[in-house]
């Protein structure tokens, strides 16, 4: 009985050099590529001030979760509120306006109000958001 010898296979080519090339390309494109879009101008994010007392004085504007407005504890509609604040700003132009907004208050009712207050001459506005109960 004669056994046939197994034919010798040639060793397969290794892919290690290909893996090295892929990693070099990956590193190269990570170094030269942009990962995020940059703004055409410098943006300085807001700095939170926690643990300090709120500034005293000024007007307190409250915004409820349903968008209802109150000024210093008196419920007012939007037009009366703006008129009252505009009148107060003519007397004291650098008056602080503190806005206490409920955490569920729609942002669509807060931001236009702040913009309107700024257009009426308000320069110092502090926004306080009521956090949800734990």
Protein backbone atom coordinates (compact mmCIF):
# COMPACT_ATOMS: atom_id res chain seq x y z
CA UNK A 1 0.00 0.00 0.00
CA UNK A 2 1.33 3.17 -1.09
CA UNK A 3 0.15 6.42 0.55
CA UNK A 4 0.14 9.55 -1.45
CA UNK A 5 1.85 12.46 0.05
CA UNK A 6 -0.27 15.48 0.66
CA UNK A 7 0.49 18.23 -1.73
CA UNK A 8 2.22 21.04 -0.13
CA UNK A 9 0.24 24.25 -0.10
CA UNK A 10 1.91 27.55 -0.40
CA UNK A 11 1.53 29.75 2.64
CA UNK A 12 -1.24 32.30 2.24
CA UNK A 13 -0.18 35.88 2.08
CA UNK A 14 -0.54 37.68 5.35
CA UNK A 15 -2.75 40.71 5.59
CA UNK A 16 -0.73 42.33 8.37
CA UNK A 17 0.88 44.89 6.02
CA UNK A 18 -2.58 45.79 4.71
CA UNK A 19 -3.84 46.35 8.25
CA UNK A 20 -0.86 48.62 8.92
CA UNK A 21 -1.62 50.68 5.84
CA UNK A 22 -5.29 51.00 6.84
CA UNK A 23 -4.35 52.23 10.32
CA UNK A 24 -1.87 54.73 8.88
CA UNK A 25 -4.58 56.08 6.57
CA UNK A 26 -7.06 56.24 9.44
CA UNK A 27 -4.66 58.24 11.61
CA UNK A 28 -3.74 60.48 8.68
CA UNK A 29 -7.34 61.39 7.89
CA UNK A 30 -8.16 61.89 11.57
CA UNK A 31 -5.32 64.38 11.86
CA UNK A 32 -6.11 66.42 8.77
CA UNK A 33 -9.92 66.17 8.83
CA UNK A 34 -12.36 68.39 10.65
CA UNK A 35 -14.51 66.61 13.17
CA UNK A 36 -17.00 69.41 13.73
CA UNK A 37 -18.21 72.50 12.02
CA UNK A 38 -16.73 75.65 13.46
CA UNK A 39 -18.59 78.91 13.69
CA UNK A 40 -17.41 81.81 11.53
CA UNK A 41 -17.17 83.86 14.71
CA UNK A 42 -16.07 83.19 18.28
CA UNK A 43 -18.76 81.94 20.63
CA UNK A 44 -18.25 82.29 24.36
CA UNK A 45 -20.66 80.00 26.23
CA UNK A 46 -22.53 81.27 29.24
CA UNK A 47 -20.96 80.74 32.64
CA UNK A 48 -23.27 79.43 35.34
CA UNK A 49 -23.02 81.11 38.70
CA UNK A 50 -24.19 78.71 41.35
CA UNK A 51 -23.90 79.04 45.05
CA UNK A 52 -24.08 82.83 44.97
CA UNK A 53 -26.98 84.97 46.09
CA UNK A 54 -29.30 86.35 43.47
CA UNK A 55 -28.99 90.10 43.00
CA UNK A 56 -31.54 91.97 45.05
CA UNK A 57 -33.98 94.64 43.99
CA UNK A 58 -35.47 95.19 40.60
CA UNK A 59 -38.62 93.74 39.11
CA UNK A 60 -39.67 90.11 39.37
CA UNK A 61 -41.48 88.70 36.36
CA UNK A 62 -43.05 85.26 36.83
CA UNK A 63 -43.97 82.90 33.98
CA UNK A 64 -46.21 79.96 34.90
CA UNK A 65 -46.17 76.56 33.24
CA UNK A 66 -49.20 77.54 31.13
CA UNK A 67 -47.56 80.82 30.02
CA UNK A 68 -49.45 83.10 32.44
CA UNK A 69 -47.51 86.26 33.41
CA UNK A 70 -47.19 88.16 36.68
CA UNK A 71 -45.14 91.21 37.65
CA UNK A 72 -44.12 91.50 41.30
CA UNK A 73 -46.93 89.14 42.31
CA UNK A 74 -49.67 90.80 40.25
CA UNK A 75 -51.10 88.81 37.34
CA UNK A 76 -51.03 90.81 34.09
CA UNK A 77 -51.60 90.13 30.44
CA UNK A 78 -48.74 90.53 27.98
CA UNK A 79 -49.55 94.07 26.83
CA UNK A 80 -50.06 95.42 30.36
CA UNK A 81 -46.87 93.75 31.52
CA UNK A 82 -44.76 95.28 28.75
CA UNK A 83 -46.34 98.70 29.34
CA UNK A 84 -45.61 98.53 33.08
CA UNK A 85 -42.00 97.47 32.55
CA UNK A 86 -41.44 100.10 29.82
CA UNK A 87 -42.78 102.77 32.17
CA UNK A 88 -40.50 101.58 34.96
CA UNK A 89 -37.48 101.51 32.62
CA UNK A 90 -38.05 105.16 31.64
CA UNK A 91 -37.69 106.11 35.31
CA UNK A 92 -34.84 103.69 36.13
CA UNK A 93 -33.10 102.60 32.91
CA UNK A 94 -30.60 100.22 34.56
CA UNK A 95 -33.28 98.36 36.52
CA UNK A 96 -32.72 94.64 37.08
CA UNK A 97 -35.44 92.36 35.74
CA UNK A 98 -35.55 88.89 37.27
CA UNK A 99 -37.56 86.33 35.27
CA UNK A 100 -38.75 83.33 37.27
CA UNK A 101 -39.91 80.73 34.75
CA UNK A 102 -41.49 77.43 35.65
CA UNK A 103 -39.56 74.43 34.32
CA UNK A 104 -42.52 73.46 32.13
CA UNK A 105 -43.05 76.98 30.74
CA UNK A 106 -42.86 76.90 26.96
CA UNK A 107 -39.64 78.39 25.67
CA UNK A 108 -41.68 80.08 22.94
CA UNK A 109 -43.21 82.30 25.62
CA UNK A 110 -39.93 83.13 27.37
CA UNK A 111 -37.50 84.06 24.58
CA UNK A 112 -39.73 86.53 22.70
CA UNK A 113 -40.49 88.21 26.01
CA UNK A 114 -36.78 88.62 26.76
CA UNK A 115 -36.18 90.02 23.26
CA UNK A 116 -39.04 92.49 23.70
CA UNK A 117 -37.71 93.60 27.08
CA UNK A 118 -34.29 94.19 25.54
CA UNK A 119 -35.83 96.21 22.72
CA UNK A 120 -37.57 98.37 25.37
CA UNK A 121 -34.20 99.19 26.93
CA UNK A 122 -33.71 96.50 29.57
CA UNK A 123 -29.99 95.83 30.00
CA UNK A 124 -29.82 93.60 33.08
CA UNK A 125 -32.04 90.49 32.84
CA UNK A 126 -31.60 87.44 35.07
CA UNK A 127 -33.39 84.22 34.09
CA UNK A 128 -34.24 81.81 36.91
CA UNK A 129 -35.75 78.45 36.01
CA UNK A 130 -37.68 76.51 38.63
CA UNK A 131 -36.26 72.98 38.69
CA UNK A 132 -38.57 69.97 38.73
CA UNK A 133 -39.24 68.38 42.08
CA UNK A 134 -37.08 65.28 42.74
